[in-house]
Amino acid sequence: MIRQRRRSVFTALAGALALVLAACGSGGSDTGTQEQFSAEDVQAALDAGGTIKVWAWEPTLKQVVADFQQKYPKVKVELVNAGTGDKQYTALQNAIAAGSGVPDVAQIEYYALPQFALAKSMTDLKSFEADKFEGTFSTGPWTSVHAGEGIFGLPMDSGPMALFYNKEVFDKHGIAVPTTWDEYATAARALHTADPKVYITSDTGDAGFTTSMIWQAGGKPYKVDGTNVKIDFSDEGSQRFTTMWQQLISEKLVSPVNGWSDQWYQGLGDGSIATLVIGAWMPANLQSGVAAGAGKWRVAPMPQWEAGGKATAENGGSGLSIPTAGANKALAYAFTKYATAEEGATTRTKGGAFPATTAELSSQEFLNAEFPYFGGQKANEVLAQSAKDVVGGWSYLPFQVYANSIFNDTVGKAYVSDTKLSDGLKAWQEASAKYGKDQGFAVN
């Protein structure tokens, strides 16, 4: 099953990157030649009505669709779950290549968006004057929907990182909640010494976690300018992370339990996994999957590389984009705007999604919400501040989906052998660069 899934992802990527190079080689369309749409055009499309197809897996969109159709009764929205993540991207690339069956709107994760943007498979929303939303969204998500000078989606949610910790475990052993990464490593040793069954966290190698940690450390290993790509994990931020995290691996202070497995959920419930450094979308997962942890867990700011720092990073999140082959772009944009920047953003937040809009993040209703699971803590205060503190300037590769798929074949070896994290990152760099060059990118 895993191998079949990876082959399908590679097939989709090959199609995506072929489109990238074809578009770039032929000159492709850009913002200057793209059809332009005014606010009046969008309103006219709503008044005329019609049908649009939206491919998305995010559950809160069901209510958004219902509300949108009630507000605009002439519009019908077909919400289709074409699969999550890679599965949908495969289907989307196949539809684009075939020239038929392309949805009008597609949910795309931030790390995957660059490959679609560079291939010109998605509409540059500057053609709808989407740049006017500068300041509407928090820094991380807004940056993530940009590629070059274009805006290729509107942020739907975000995943600013925080420290989720089991207060009961820390209190039991008299260990302070860490505020820096040095303190985190010290706490890891103290917890495991006090009880060998307790680990500060679990990690068996995860590309998203690693890149997010490097992001927070100020690393910028990826630099992309069209088809010119630079990959360099020798930068200070990358080395800062690997030096610290290598200590935890070498000293066997992280649990060798795979994330999202039954054993992982059990560890979160019984206290043998004491913390998670993860995105702000995690509360709902804890509440639904770790009932035994109710009242025990809390949320704290992400540990810092320097005392008194306020740097965070994004971990996950997605936006809504409009395929260039879509049949009704004006109506598609009306829905995209409604779902991400208008009433739909509030609806989704009430449904449990973590917002990407500054208005929702700063609303008193959101900030004052008490979480019984977290002992009545107003967890959103911590998470909203994290969203404000995301380090700017991060970018992903235009073939990040592929790069992530080979992470465990390279960096992952550091968790199961004598390979060092720094060597694993170097191998990841070389394998990613080779793939990029094979696809026609100029990589150094």
Protein backbone atom coordinates (compact mmCIF):
# COMPACT_ATOMS: atom_id res chain seq x y z
CA MET A 1 0.00 0.00 0.00
CA ILE A 2 2.77 2.46 0.91
CA ARG A 3 4.78 1.73 -2.20
CA GLN A 4 1.74 2.10 -4.42
CA ARG A 5 0.97 5.44 -2.83
CA ARG A 6 4.52 6.69 -3.33
CA ARG A 7 4.52 5.65 -6.98
CA SER A 8 1.30 7.59 -7.56
CA VAL A 9 2.82 10.64 -5.91
CA PHE A 10 5.94 10.41 -8.11
CA THR A 11 3.76 10.07 -11.21
CA ALA A 12 1.82 13.17 -10.24
CA LEU A 13 5.03 15.06 -9.59
CA ALA A 14 6.50 14.11 -12.92
CA GLY A 15 3.39 15.49 -14.58
CA ALA A 16 3.53 18.63 -12.47
CA LEU A 17 7.17 19.33 -13.22
CA ALA A 18 6.75 18.60 -16.91
CA LEU A 19 4.07 21.27 -16.90
CA VAL A 20 6.41 23.60 -15.00
CA LEU A 21 9.13 23.38 -17.61
CA ALA A 22 6.74 23.49 -20.54
CA ALA A 23 5.13 26.62 -19.15
CA CYS A 24 8.46 28.28 -18.46
CA GLY A 25 9.95 27.19 -21.76
CA SER A 26 7.04 28.51 -23.80
CA GLY A 27 6.91 31.77 -21.94
CA GLY A 28 3.56 30.81 -20.39
CA SER A 29 1.05 33.36 -19.21
CA ASP A 30 1.87 35.71 -16.38
CA THR A 31 -0.01 38.30 -14.40
CA GLY A 32 0.47 40.82 -17.15
CA THR A 33 -1.28 38.70 -19.80
CA GLN A 34 -3.80 37.00 -17.53
CA GLU A 35 -7.42 38.00 -17.84
CA GLN A 36 -8.18 40.68 -15.27
CA PHE A 37 -11.31 40.72 -13.12
CA SER A 38 -12.88 43.60 -11.24
CA ALA A 39 -15.11 43.51 -8.16
CA GLU A 40 -18.00 44.25 -10.51
CA ASP A 41 -17.16 41.17 -12.58
CA VAL A 42 -17.25 39.00 -9.47
CA GLN A 43 -20.58 40.49 -8.35
CA ALA A 44 -22.01 40.01 -11.84
CA ALA A 45 -21.03 36.33 -11.69
CA LEU A 46 -22.85 35.97 -8.36
CA ASP A 47 -25.92 37.69 -9.75
CA ALA A 48 -25.94 35.47 -12.82
CA GLY A 49 -25.39 32.31 -10.78
CA GLY A 50 -24.08 28.98 -11.96
CA THR A 51 -22.31 25.90 -10.66
CA ILE A 52 -18.76 25.51 -9.41
CA LYS A 53 -16.94 22.41 -8.24
CA VAL A 54 -14.72 22.63 -5.15
CA TRP A 55 -12.20 19.91 -4.34
CA ALA A 56 -11.40 19.96 -0.63
CA TRP A 57 -11.16 17.61 2.32
CA GLU A 58 -11.48 20.14 5.15
CA PRO A 59 -14.70 19.30 7.06
CA THR A 60 -15.72 22.81 8.12
CA LEU A 61 -16.22 23.77 4.47
CA LYS A 62 -19.51 21.83 4.44
CA GLN A 63 -21.17 24.52 6.53
CA VAL A 64 -19.43 27.26 4.56
CA VAL A 65 -20.90 25.87 1.34
CA ALA A 66 -24.38 25.71 2.87
CA ASP A 67 -24.16 29.31 4.07
CA PHE A 68 -22.75 30.55 0.76
CA GLN A 69 -25.57 28.94 -1.21
CA GLN A 70 -28.14 30.42 1.15
CA LYS A 71 -26.64 33.90 0.66
CA TYR A 72 -26.38 33.44 -3.12
CA PRO A 73 -29.30 31.17 -4.06
CA LYS A 74 -28.45 31.25 -7.77
CA VAL A 75 -25.12 29.55 -7.10
CA LYS A 76 -24.63 25.83 -6.60
CA VAL A 77 -21.39 24.57 -5.07
CA GLU A 78 -20.45 20.92 -5.54
CA LEU A 79 -18.09 20.06 -2.69
CA VAL A 80 -16.04 16.99 -3.57
CA ASN A 81 -13.54 15.15 -1.40
CA ALA A 82 -11.11 13.89 -4.03
CA GLY A 83 -8.78 12.61 -1.32
CA THR A 84 -6.48 14.30 1.16
CA GLY A 85 -3.10 15.74 0.32
CA ASP A 86 -1.10 13.64 -2.14
CA LYS A 87 -4.13 11.66 -3.30
CA GLN A 88 -5.93 14.83 -4.36
CA TYR A 89 -2.80 16.28 -5.95
CA THR A 90 -2.47 13.16 -8.09
CA ALA A 91 -6.08 13.46 -9.21
CA LEU A 92 -5.66 17.17 -9.84
CA GLN A 93 -2.55 16.70 -11.96
CA ASN A 94 -4.25 13.95 -13.95
CA ALA A 95 -7.23 16.23 -14.63
CA ILE A 96 -4.96 19.10 -15.67
CA ALA A 97 -2.97 16.82 -17.99
CA ALA A 98 -6.16 15.39 -19.51
CA GLY A 99 -7.68 18.83 -19.95
CA SER A 100 -10.98 17.79 -18.43
CA GLY A 101 -12.57 17.36 -15.03
CA VAL A 102 -10.55 20.18 -13.48
CA PRO A 103 -12.30 21.69 -10.44
CA ASP A 104 -12.99 25.40 -10.17
CA VAL A 105 -11.45 25.61 -6.69
CA ALA A 106 -8.91 23.29 -5.04
CA GLN A 107 -7.58 23.01 -1.50
CA ILE A 108 -3.78 22.88 -1.59
CA GLU A 109 -1.37 22.68 1.33
CA TYR A 110 1.16 25.48 1.55
CA TYR A 111 4.18 23.24 1.04
CA ALA A 112 2.69 21.83 -2.19
CA LEU A 113 1.51 25.11 -3.70
CA PRO A 114 4.83 26.19 -5.30
CA GLN A 115 4.87 23.29 -7.77
CA PHE A 116 1.39 24.19 -9.00
CA ALA A 117 2.20 27.90 -9.10
CA LEU A 118 5.40 27.52 -11.09
CA ALA A 119 3.61 25.21 -13.53
CA LYS A 120 1.06 28.01 -13.98
CA SER A 121 -1.60 25.45 -13.14
CA MET A 122 -3.14 27.91 -10.68
CA THR A 123 -4.47 31.39 -11.34
CA ASP A 124 -2.47 34.33 -10.09
CA LEU A 125 -5.08 35.99 -7.90
CA LYS A 126 -3.53 39.38 -8.45
CA SER A 127 -5.77 39.33 -11.51
CA PHE A 128 -8.59 39.75 -8.97
CA GLU A 129 -6.65 42.40 -7.04
CA ALA A 130 -6.08 39.89 -4.22
CA ASP A 131 -3.05 41.91 -3.14
CA LYS A 132 -5.56 44.18 -1.37
CA PHE A 133 -5.74 41.45 1.31
CA GLU A 134 -2.29 42.45 2.55
CA GLY A 135 -2.73 42.55 6.34
CA THR A 136 -5.94 40.50 6.28
CA PHE A 137 -4.05 37.27 6.98
CA SER A 138 -1.31 36.46 9.46
CA THR A 139 2.28 36.50 8.21
CA GLY A 140 2.94 32.77 7.77
CA PRO A 141 -0.11 31.83 5.68
CA TRP A 142 0.00 35.04 3.61
CA THR A 143 3.64 34.44 2.74
CA SER A 144 2.89 30.80 1.93
CA VAL A 145 0.39 31.58 -0.84
CA HIS A 146 2.93 33.74 -2.65
CA ALA A 147 5.28 32.43 -5.30
CA GLY A 148 7.57 34.94 -6.94
CA GLU A 149 5.49 38.06 -7.51
CA GLY A 150 2.21 36.17 -7.70
CA ILE A 151 -0.53 35.20 -5.25
CA PHE A 152 -1.76 31.71 -6.02
CA GLY A 153 -4.33 31.12 -3.33
CA LEU A 154 -6.00 32.65 -0.29
CA PRO A 155 -5.10 31.20 3.12
CA MET A 156 -7.76 29.01 4.67
CA ASP A 157 -6.07 28.07 7.93
CA SER A 158 -2.71 28.06 9.62
CA GLY A 159 -0.52 26.06 11.95
CA PRO A 160 1.63 28.37 14.07
CA MET A 161 3.64 26.19 16.40
CA ALA A 162 3.42 25.91 20.18
CA LEU A 163 4.47 23.58 22.97
CA PHE A 164 1.69 21.21 24.02
CA TYR A 165 2.69 19.58 27.29
CA ASN A 166 1.33 17.19 29.91
CA LYS A 167 1.21 19.36 33.02
CA GLU A 168 0.53 16.38 35.27
CA VAL A 169 3.79 14.71 34.20
CA PHE A 170 5.90 17.86 34.64
CA ASP A 171 4.33 18.60 38.04
CA LYS A 172 4.82 15.02 39.23
CA HIS A 173 8.57 15.21 38.65
CA GLY A 174 8.97 18.85 39.66
CA ILE A 175 10.30 19.89 36.25
CA ALA A 176 9.74 23.40 34.92
CA VAL A 177 8.11 23.86 31.54
CA PRO A 178 10.96 24.74 29.13
CA THR A 179 11.08 28.17 27.52
CA THR A 180 14.28 27.62 25.50
CA TRP A 181 15.60 24.66 23.53
CA ASP A 182 18.47 24.25 25.97
CA GLU A 183 15.90 23.96 28.75
CA TYR A 184 13.94 21.53 26.59
CA ALA A 185 16.96 19.23 26.29
CA THR A 186 17.57 19.49 30.04
CA ALA A 187 13.93 18.65 30.74
CA ALA A 188 14.18 15.67 28.38
CA ARG A 189 17.04 14.25 30.42
CA ALA A 190 15.34 14.93 33.74
CA LEU A 191 12.06 13.32 32.71
CA HIS A 192 13.68 10.19 31.31
CA THR A 193 15.94 9.86 34.36
CA ALA A 194 12.98 10.21 36.73
CA ASP A 195 11.01 7.61 34.79
CA PRO A 196 12.64 5.67 31.93
CA LYS A 197 9.19 5.07 30.44
CA VAL A 198 8.69 8.81 29.92
CA TYR A 199 10.05 10.63 26.87
CA ILE A 200 9.79 14.34 26.28
CA THR A 201 8.37 13.69 22.81
CA SER A 202 8.36 11.15 19.99
CA ASP A 203 10.13 11.49 16.67
CA THR A 204 11.01 8.92 14.05
CA GLY A 205 11.75 11.44 11.33
CA ASP A 206 9.26 13.88 9.86
CA ALA A 207 10.00 16.29 7.03
CA GLY A 208 7.37 18.82 8.05
CA PHE A 209 8.59 18.98 11.65
CA THR A 210 12.24 19.28 10.59
CA THR A 211 11.67 22.09 8.10
CA SER A 212 9.44 23.93 10.58
CA MET A 213 12.11 23.71 13.26
CA ILE A 214 14.73 25.00 10.83
CA TRP A 215 12.32 27.77 9.86
CA GLN A 216 11.96 28.86 13.50
CA ALA A 217 15.74 28.76 13.94
CA GLY A 218 16.08 31.34 11.17
CA GLY A 219 17.23 28.87 8.54
CA LYS A 220 16.52 29.49 4.87
CA PRO A 221 17.83 26.38 3.11
CA TYR A 222 15.57 26.84 0.08
CA LYS A 223 15.85 29.77 -2.30
CA VAL A 224 13.71 29.75 -5.40
CA ASP A 225 13.68 32.13 -8.35
CA GLY A 226 11.56 30.64 -11.10
CA THR A 227 13.35 27.47 -12.17
CA ASN A 228 16.56 28.51 -10.41
CA VAL A 229 16.76 26.69 -7.09
CA LYS A 230 19.32 26.69 -4.31
CA ILE A 231 19.32 24.03 -1.58
CA ASP A 232 21.76 24.50 1.28
CA PHE A 233 21.32 22.84 4.67
CA SER A 234 24.69 24.10 5.88
CA ASP A 235 23.11 27.43 6.82
CA GLU A 236 23.20 28.56 10.46
CA GLY A 237 19.53 27.86 11.20
CA SER A 238 19.69 24.29 9.90
CA GLN A 239 22.85 23.57 11.88
CA ARG A 240 21.39 25.12 15.01
CA PHE A 241 18.49 22.68 14.91
CA THR A 242 20.53 19.59 14.04
CA THR A 243 23.09 20.24 16.78
CA MET A 244 20.40 20.43 19.45
CA TRP A 245 18.12 17.66 18.18
CA GLN A 246 21.05 15.29 17.62
CA GLN A 247 21.62 15.33 21.38
CA LEU A 248 18.11 14.01 21.99
CA ILE A 249 18.49 11.28 19.39
CA SER A 250 21.99 10.22 20.51
CA GLU A 251 20.93 10.07 24.15
CA LYS A 252 17.75 8.17 23.21
CA LEU A 253 15.56 10.84 24.77
CA VAL A 254 12.83 10.79 22.09
CA SER A 255 10.31 7.98 21.90
CA PRO A 256 10.70 5.76 18.80
CA VAL A 257 6.94 5.73 18.30
CA ASN A 258 5.50 6.74 14.93
CA GLY A 259 3.30 9.79 14.99
CA TRP A 260 -0.45 9.26 14.53
CA SER A 261 -0.18 5.54 15.33
CA ASP A 262 -2.33 3.86 18.00
CA GLN A 263 0.77 3.59 20.19
CA TRP A 264 1.39 7.32 19.79
CA TYR A 265 -2.13 8.21 20.90
CA GLN A 266 -1.72 5.83 23.82
CA GLY A 267 1.55 7.50 24.82
CA LEU A 268 -0.07 10.90 24.77
CA GLY A 269 -2.81 9.56 27.00
CA ASP A 270 -0.72 7.69 29.57
CA GLY A 271 1.98 10.35 29.94
CA SER A 272 4.86 8.43 28.37
CA ILE A 273 5.03 11.13 25.67
CA ALA A 274 5.14 14.39 27.61
CA THR A 275 5.15 17.11 24.93
CA LEU A 276 4.42 17.89 21.31
CA VAL A 277 5.89 20.81 19.40
CA ILE A 278 3.30 21.10 16.70
CA GLY A 279 0.82 23.32 14.84
CA ALA A 280 -2.15 25.15 16.34
CA TRP A 281 -4.56 22.72 14.71
CA MET A 282 -3.60 20.09 17.33
CA PRO A 283 -6.24 20.79 20.05
CA ALA A 284 -9.06 19.15 18.13
CA ASN A 285 -6.89 16.06 17.56
CA LEU A 286 -6.07 15.78 21.25
CA GLN A 287 -9.69 16.19 22.25
CA SER A 288 -10.93 13.58 19.80
CA GLY A 289 -8.04 11.10 19.99
CA VAL A 290 -6.61 11.37 23.50
CA ALA A 291 -9.58 11.36 25.87
CA ALA A 292 -7.36 10.08 28.70
CA GLY A 293 -5.38 13.32 28.58
CA ALA A 294 -8.34 15.60 29.29
CA GLY A 295 -7.49 18.15 31.97
CA LYS A 296 -3.82 17.12 31.98
CA TRP A 297 -2.53 18.94 28.92
CA ARG A 298 -1.71 22.63 28.52
CA VAL A 299 -0.34 24.93 25.82
CA ALA A 300 2.79 27.08 26.17
CA PRO A 301 4.83 29.20 23.75
CA MET A 302 7.24 27.37 21.48
CA PRO A 303 10.70 27.08 23.11
CA GLN A 304 13.16 29.68 21.83
CA TRP A 305 16.72 29.44 20.57
CA GLU A 306 17.62 32.47 22.63
CA ALA A 307 16.16 33.49 26.01
CA GLY A 308 13.47 36.13 25.56
CA GLY A 309 13.00 35.38 21.87
CA LYS A 310 9.61 35.33 20.16
CA ALA A 311 10.26 33.41 16.95
CA THR A 312 7.83 30.75 15.73
CA ALA A 313 7.14 28.87 12.51
CA GLU A 314 4.23 27.34 10.67
CA ASN A 315 3.56 23.62 10.71
CA GLY A 316 0.84 22.65 8.25
CA GLY A 317 -2.05 24.61 6.82
CA SER A 318 -3.63 25.06 3.42
CA GLY A 319 -5.38 27.54 1.18
CA LEU A 320 -7.91 27.62 -1.63
CA SER A 321 -6.61 28.08 -5.17
CA ILE A 322 -8.25 28.49 -8.56
CA PRO A 323 -6.97 26.22 -11.36
CA THR A 324 -6.19 28.11 -14.56
CA ALA A 325 -8.23 25.51 -16.47
CA GLY A 326 -11.32 26.19 -14.36
CA ALA A 327 -14.42 27.21 -16.29
CA ASN A 328 -15.83 29.92 -14.02
CA LYS A 329 -13.03 31.88 -12.40
CA ALA A 330 -15.09 34.87 -11.27
CA LEU A 331 -17.57 32.68 -9.40
CA ALA A 332 -14.73 30.54 -8.08
CA TYR A 333 -13.03 33.63 -6.69
CA ALA A 334 -16.26 34.79 -5.06
CA PHE A 335 -16.44 31.51 -3.16
CA THR A 336 -12.73 31.48 -2.34
CA LYS A 337 -12.94 35.00 -0.93
CA TYR A 338 -16.09 34.20 1.06
CA ALA A 339 -14.59 31.02 2.54
CA THR A 340 -11.26 32.53 3.56
CA ALA A 341 -11.66 36.28 4.15
CA GLU A 342 -15.34 36.90 4.76
CA GLU A 343 -18.16 35.18 6.69
CA GLY A 344 -16.78 31.74 5.90
CA ALA A 345 -13.66 32.42 7.96
CA THR A 346 -15.79 32.97 11.06
CA THR A 347 -17.88 29.88 10.32
CA ARG A 348 -14.79 27.71 10.03
CA THR A 349 -13.28 29.08 13.24
CA LYS A 350 -16.48 28.29 15.13
CA GLY A 351 -16.30 24.81 13.61
CA GLY A 352 -12.88 24.22 15.19
CA ALA A 353 -10.45 25.33 12.48
CA PHE A 354 -7.52 27.53 13.46
CA PRO A 355 -7.94 30.84 11.59
CA ALA A 356 -5.54 32.54 9.23
CA THR A 357 -7.21 35.97 9.38
CA THR A 358 -5.93 38.63 11.74
CA ALA A 359 -9.53 39.66 12.54
CA GLU A 360 -10.42 36.20 13.85
CA LEU A 361 -7.11 35.83 15.62
CA SER A 362 -7.69 39.08 17.51
CA SER A 363 -11.39 38.68 18.29
CA GLN A 364 -12.24 38.55 21.99
CA GLU A 365 -14.58 35.60 21.43
CA PHE A 366 -11.71 33.61 19.99
CA LEU A 367 -9.09 34.71 22.51
CA ASN A 368 -11.32 34.22 25.54
CA ALA A 369 -12.51 30.74 24.61
CA GLU A 370 -11.78 28.37 27.49
CA PHE A 371 -10.74 24.80 26.72
CA PRO A 372 -11.98 22.26 29.28
CA TYR A 373 -9.50 19.77 27.79
CA PHE A 374 -6.67 22.12 28.77
CA GLY A 375 -7.97 22.63 32.29
CA GLY A 376 -9.96 25.73 31.33
CA GLN A 377 -6.92 27.44 29.80
CA LYS A 378 -7.47 30.15 27.19
CA ALA A 379 -5.20 28.31 24.80
CA ASN A 380 -5.98 30.54 21.84
CA GLU A 381 -4.14 33.42 23.52
CA VAL A 382 -0.91 31.44 23.21
CA LEU A 383 -1.67 30.21 19.70
CA ALA A 384 -2.70 33.64 18.39
CA GLN A 385 0.52 35.17 19.68
CA SER A 386 2.45 32.39 17.95
CA ALA A 387 0.76 33.32 14.67
CA LYS A 388 2.04 36.89 15.08
CA ASP A 389 5.58 35.71 15.78
CA VAL A 390 6.11 33.52 12.70
CA VAL A 391 9.50 34.25 11.13
CA GLY A 392 9.19 35.71 7.65
CA GLY A 393 11.10 34.86 4.50
CA TRP A 394 10.57 31.09 4.39
CA SER A 395 10.03 29.33 1.06
CA TYR A 396 9.48 25.76 -0.11
CA LEU A 397 10.87 23.95 -3.14
CA PRO A 398 8.80 23.79 -6.33
CA PHE A 399 9.10 20.00 -5.89
CA GLN A 400 8.67 19.86 -2.11
CA VAL A 401 6.15 17.02 -2.29
CA TYR A 402 8.84 14.82 -3.83
CA ALA A 403 11.52 16.05 -1.42
CA ASN A 404 9.33 15.19 1.56
CA SER A 405 8.63 11.74 0.15
CA ILE A 406 12.34 10.81 0.30
CA PHE A 407 12.98 12.31 3.74
CA ASN A 408 12.95 8.98 5.54
CA ASP A 409 15.34 7.49 2.97
CA THR A 410 17.89 10.18 3.86
CA VAL A 411 17.42 12.12 7.10
CA GLY A 412 15.31 9.32 8.54
CA LYS A 413 18.39 7.10 8.75
CA ALA A 414 19.60 9.22 11.67
CA TYR A 415 16.82 7.72 13.77
CA VAL A 416 17.64 4.08 13.05
CA SER A 417 21.43 4.02 12.51
CA ASP A 418 24.66 5.82 13.35
CA THR A 419 23.98 8.42 10.65
CA LYS A 420 24.09 11.96 12.02
CA LEU A 421 21.26 14.38 11.37
CA SER A 422 23.64 16.76 9.64
CA ASP A 423 24.77 13.97 7.30
CA GLY A 424 21.16 13.00 6.71
CA LEU A 425 20.31 16.57 5.75
CA LYS A 426 23.26 16.62 3.36
CA ALA A 427 22.01 13.40 1.74
CA TRP A 428 18.51 14.89 1.52
CA GLN A 429 19.97 17.99 -0.07
CA GLU A 430 21.89 15.97 -2.66
CA ALA A 431 18.97 13.68 -3.51
CA SER A 432 16.56 16.62 -3.83
CA ALA A 433 19.04 18.53 -5.97
CA LYS A 434 19.56 15.54 -8.27
CA TYR A 435 15.83 15.16 -8.72
CA GLY A 436 15.43 18.85 -9.48
CA LYS A 437 18.22 18.76 -12.07
CA ASP A 438 16.74 15.64 -13.66
CA GLN A 439 13.49 17.55 -14.08
CA GLY A 440 15.28 20.48 -15.74
CA PHE A 441 15.68 22.90 -12.85
CA ALA A 442 18.91 24.82 -12.39
CA VAL A 443 19.91 23.65 -8.93
CA ASN A 444 22.95 24.56 -6.87
